């Protein structure tokens, strides 16, 4: 059974950092494109970053997180991560990872990923 489980969310002050993890089971994460999304009451679900599969993976970032967030994969652990620095109150939301085999070669920040995790809450507040 294919499953994605996010962790690493929490409460952090503005300017702080968090690292989110997405553990994949039931499939080889490196054969899928992986995306990170954020859902907030006001904006709905927003694509933040994605990474393609394979050794020469490429990444995509939405403008609002460029230079602050970094997506990565640990193939040995079958895990993806989203390292977040300089967090802002607007980064508050539920963060989801998603996987799709058809995004192996080219990923995007659209919501049409096949598989989703349950989400982890990130709250940026002083």
C-alpha atoms as a PDB file:
ATOM      1  CA  UNK A   1       0.000   0.000   0.000  1.00  0.00           C
ATOM      2  CA  UNK A   2       1.454   3.322  -1.070  1.00  0.00           C
ATOM      3  CA  UNK A   3       1.684   5.780   1.807  1.00  0.00           C
ATOM      4  CA  UNK A   4       3.205   9.187   2.545  1.00  0.00           C
ATOM      5  CA  UNK A   5       3.621  10.412   6.112  1.00  0.00           C
ATOM      6  CA  UNK A   6       4.708  13.959   6.903  1.00  0.00           C
ATOM      7  CA  UNK A   7       6.295  15.094  10.143  1.00  0.00           C
ATOM      8  CA  UNK A   8       8.323  17.977  11.509  1.00  0.00           C
ATOM      9  CA  UNK A   9       5.665  20.651  11.780  1.00  0.00           C
ATOM     10  CA  UNK A  10       5.187  22.777  14.847  1.00  0.00           C
ATOM     11  CA  UNK A  11       5.169  26.266  16.279  1.00  0.00           C
ATOM     12  CA  UNK A  12       8.092  28.515  15.360  1.00  0.00           C
ATOM     13  CA  UNK A  13       8.803  32.214  15.762  1.00  0.00           C
ATOM     14  CA  UNK A  14       9.149  34.468  12.732  1.00  0.00           C
ATOM     15  CA  UNK A  15      12.634  34.146  11.310  1.00  0.00           C
ATOM     16  CA  UNK A  16      12.971  30.609  12.571  1.00  0.00           C
ATOM     17  CA  UNK A  17      13.508  27.339  10.721  1.00  0.00           C
ATOM     18  CA  UNK A  18      11.808  23.976  10.429  1.00  0.00           C
ATOM     19  CA  UNK A  19      12.552  20.823   8.500  1.00  0.00           C
ATOM     20  CA  UNK A  20       9.626  18.793   7.264  1.00  0.00           C
ATOM     21  CA  UNK A  21      10.019  15.136   6.367  1.00  0.00           C
ATOM     22  CA  UNK A  22       7.902  12.934   4.130  1.00  0.00           C
ATOM     23  CA  UNK A  23       8.468   9.217   4.571  1.00  0.00           C
ATOM     24  CA  UNK A  24       7.317   7.076   1.676  1.00  0.00           C
ATOM     25  CA  UNK A  25       6.313   3.438   1.987  1.00  0.00           C
ATOM     26  CA  UNK A  26       5.027   0.943  -0.522  1.00  0.00           C
ATOM     27  CA  UNK A  27       6.930   2.462  -3.418  1.00  0.00           C
ATOM     28  CA  UNK A  28      10.359   3.753  -4.399  1.00  0.00           C
ATOM     29  CA  UNK A  29      10.182   7.502  -3.866  1.00  0.00           C
ATOM     30  CA  UNK A  30      12.959   8.124  -6.388  1.00  0.00           C
ATOM     31  CA  UNK A  31      10.779   6.827  -9.226  1.00  0.00           C
ATOM     32  CA  UNK A  32       8.199   9.531  -8.595  1.00  0.00           C
ATOM     33  CA  UNK A  33       8.048  13.288  -8.771  1.00  0.00           C
ATOM     34  CA  UNK A  34       7.519  14.711  -5.294  1.00  0.00           C
ATOM     35  CA  UNK A  35       5.776  17.943  -4.408  1.00  0.00           C
ATOM     36  CA  UNK A  36       5.218  19.984  -1.261  1.00  0.00           C
ATOM     37  CA  UNK A  37       2.016  21.965  -0.854  1.00  0.00           C
ATOM     38  CA  UNK A  38       0.569  24.286   1.769  1.00  0.00           C
ATOM     39  CA  UNK A  39      -3.075  24.777   2.600  1.00  0.00           C
ATOM     40  CA  UNK A  40      -4.389  27.844   4.361  1.00  0.00           C
ATOM     41  CA  UNK A  41      -7.979  28.978   4.949  1.00  0.00           C
ATOM     42  CA  UNK A  42      -7.542  32.108   2.907  1.00  0.00           C
ATOM     43  CA  UNK A  43      -5.502  30.846  -0.061  1.00  0.00           C
ATOM     44  CA  UNK A  44      -6.543  27.246  -0.448  1.00  0.00           C
ATOM     45  CA  UNK A  45      -3.846  24.759  -1.427  1.00  0.00           C
ATOM     46  CA  UNK A  46      -0.664  26.279  -2.838  1.00  0.00           C
ATOM     47  CA  UNK A  47       2.187  24.453  -4.530  1.00  0.00           C
ATOM     48  CA  UNK A  48       5.527  25.329  -2.928  1.00  0.00           C
ATOM     49  CA  UNK A  49       8.179  23.120  -4.451  1.00  0.00           C
ATOM     50  CA  UNK A  50       8.706  19.894  -6.335  1.00  0.00           C
ATOM     51  CA  UNK A  51      11.567  17.615  -7.319  1.00  0.00           C
ATOM     52  CA  UNK A  52      11.813  15.134 -10.144  1.00  0.00           C
ATOM     53  CA  UNK A  53      13.081  11.588  -9.897  1.00  0.00           C
ATOM     54  CA  UNK A  54      16.439  10.082 -10.695  1.00  0.00           C
ATOM     55  CA  UNK A  55      20.047  11.009 -10.151  1.00  0.00           C
ATOM     56  CA  UNK A  56      19.861  14.342 -11.959  1.00  0.00           C
ATOM     57  CA  UNK A  57      16.735  15.571 -10.255  1.00  0.00           C
ATOM     58  CA  UNK A  58      15.530  19.069 -10.968  1.00  0.00           C
ATOM     59  CA  UNK A  59      13.608  21.318  -8.641  1.00  0.00           C
ATOM     60  CA  UNK A  60      10.905  23.952  -8.920  1.00  0.00           C
ATOM     61  CA  UNK A  61       9.978  26.601  -6.345  1.00  0.00           C
ATOM     62  CA  UNK A  62       7.149  29.055  -6.171  1.00  0.00           C
ATOM     63  CA  UNK A  63       8.385  32.628  -5.986  1.00  0.00           C
ATOM     64  CA  UNK A  64       7.365  33.240  -2.383  1.00  0.00           C
ATOM     65  CA  UNK A  65       9.673  30.526  -1.021  1.00  0.00           C
ATOM     66  CA  UNK A  66      12.680  30.854  -3.333  1.00  0.00           C
ATOM     67  CA  UNK A  67      15.848  31.336  -1.338  1.00  0.00           C
ATOM     68  CA  UNK A  68      14.143  30.284   1.899  1.00  0.00           C
ATOM     69  CA  UNK A  69      12.952  26.713   1.265  1.00  0.00           C
ATOM     70  CA  UNK A  70      14.947  23.769  -0.073  1.00  0.00           C
ATOM     71  CA  UNK A  71      13.482  20.488  -1.250  1.00  0.00           C
ATOM     72  CA  UNK A  72      15.567  17.320  -1.145  1.00  0.00           C
ATOM     73  CA  UNK A  73      15.424  13.550  -1.186  1.00  0.00           C
ATOM     74  CA  UNK A  74      17.206  10.870   0.817  1.00  0.00           C
ATOM     75  CA  UNK A  75      16.985   7.821  -1.399  1.00  0.00           C
ATOM     76  CA  UNK A  76      18.414   5.450   1.199  1.00  0.00           C
ATOM     77  CA  UNK A  77      15.709   6.472   3.668  1.00  0.00           C
ATOM     78  CA  UNK A  78      13.008   6.735   0.987  1.00  0.00           C
ATOM     79  CA  UNK A  79      12.244  10.172   2.362  1.00  0.00           C
ATOM     80  CA  UNK A  80      11.740  13.658   0.994  1.00  0.00           C
ATOM     81  CA  UNK A  81      12.318  16.810   2.986  1.00  0.00           C
ATOM     82  CA  UNK A  82      11.505  20.494   2.907  1.00  0.00           C
ATOM     83  CA  UNK A  83      13.990  22.652   4.778  1.00  0.00           C
ATOM     84  CA  UNK A  84      12.445  26.004   5.636  1.00  0.00           C
ATOM     85  CA  UNK A  85      14.379  29.068   6.808  1.00  0.00           C
ATOM     86  CA  UNK A  86      13.384  32.652   7.624  1.00  0.00           C
ATOM     87  CA  UNK A  87       9.815  31.608   8.237  1.00  0.00           C
ATOM     88  CA  UNK A  88       7.107  34.245   8.142  1.00  0.00           C
ATOM     89  CA  UNK A  89       3.585  34.342   9.592  1.00  0.00           C
ATOM     90  CA  UNK A  90       2.244  33.913   6.050  1.00  0.00           C
ATOM     91  CA  UNK A  91       3.949  30.507   5.950  1.00  0.00           C
ATOM     92  CA  UNK A  92       1.450  29.234   8.494  1.00  0.00           C
ATOM     93  CA  UNK A  93      -0.641  26.365   7.202  1.00  0.00           C
ATOM     94  CA  UNK A  94      -0.933  22.631   6.804  1.00  0.00           C
ATOM     95  CA  UNK A  95       1.913  21.240   4.729  1.00  0.00           C
ATOM     96  CA  UNK A  96       1.433  18.210   2.500  1.00  0.00           C
ATOM     97  CA  UNK A  97       3.774  16.110   0.454  1.00  0.00           C
ATOM     98  CA  UNK A  98       2.532  14.449  -2.695  1.00  0.00           C
ATOM     99  CA  UNK A  99       3.882  11.935  -5.198  1.00  0.00           C
ATOM    100  CA  UNK A 100       3.111  11.155  -8.808  1.00  0.00           C
ATOM    101  CA  UNK A 101       4.924   8.733 -11.151  1.00  0.00           C
ATOM    102  CA  UNK A 102       4.101  10.855 -14.207  1.00  0.00           C
ATOM    103  CA  UNK A 103       6.073  13.742 -12.723  1.00  0.00           C
ATOM    104  CA  UNK A 104       9.313  11.734 -12.652  1.00  0.00           C
ATOM    105  CA  UNK A 105      10.808  13.658 -15.599  1.00  0.00           C
ATOM    106  CA  UNK A 106       9.157  17.028 -15.104  1.00  0.00           C
ATOM    107  CA  UNK A 107       7.301  18.133 -12.004  1.00  0.00           C
ATOM    108  CA  UNK A 108       5.037  21.102 -11.471  1.00  0.00           C
ATOM    109  CA  UNK A 109       3.146  22.807  -8.681  1.00  0.00           C
ATOM    110  CA  UNK A 110      -0.320  21.873  -9.885  1.00  0.00           C
ATOM    111  CA  UNK A 111      -2.443  19.813  -7.511  1.00  0.00           C
ATOM    112  CA  UNK A 112      -2.843  16.836  -9.862  1.00  0.00           C
ATOM    113  CA  UNK A 113      -0.570  14.504  -7.895  1.00  0.00           C
ATOM    114  CA  UNK A 114      -1.809  10.957  -7.438  1.00  0.00           C
ATOM    115  CA  UNK A 115      -0.862  10.368  -3.814  1.00  0.00           C
ATOM    116  CA  UNK A 116      -0.970  12.632  -0.777  1.00  0.00           C
ATOM    117  CA  UNK A 117       0.083  12.517   2.829  1.00  0.00           C
ATOM    118  CA  UNK A 118      -2.113  13.516   5.745  1.00  0.00           C
ATOM    119  CA  UNK A 119      -0.373  16.850   6.341  1.00  0.00           C
ATOM    120  CA  UNK A 120       1.550  18.476   9.163  1.00  0.00           C
ATOM    121  CA  UNK A 121       0.702  21.823  10.769  1.00  0.00           C
ATOM    122  CA  UNK A 122       3.205  24.667  10.678  1.00  0.00           C
ATOM    123  CA  UNK A 123       2.444  27.766  12.727  1.00  0.00           C
ATOM    124  CA  UNK A 124       4.690  30.817  12.537  1.00  0.00           C
ATOM    125  CA  UNK A 125       3.894  33.195  15.343  1.00  0.00           C
ATOM    126  CA  UNK A 126       5.567  35.180  18.076  1.00  0.00           C
END
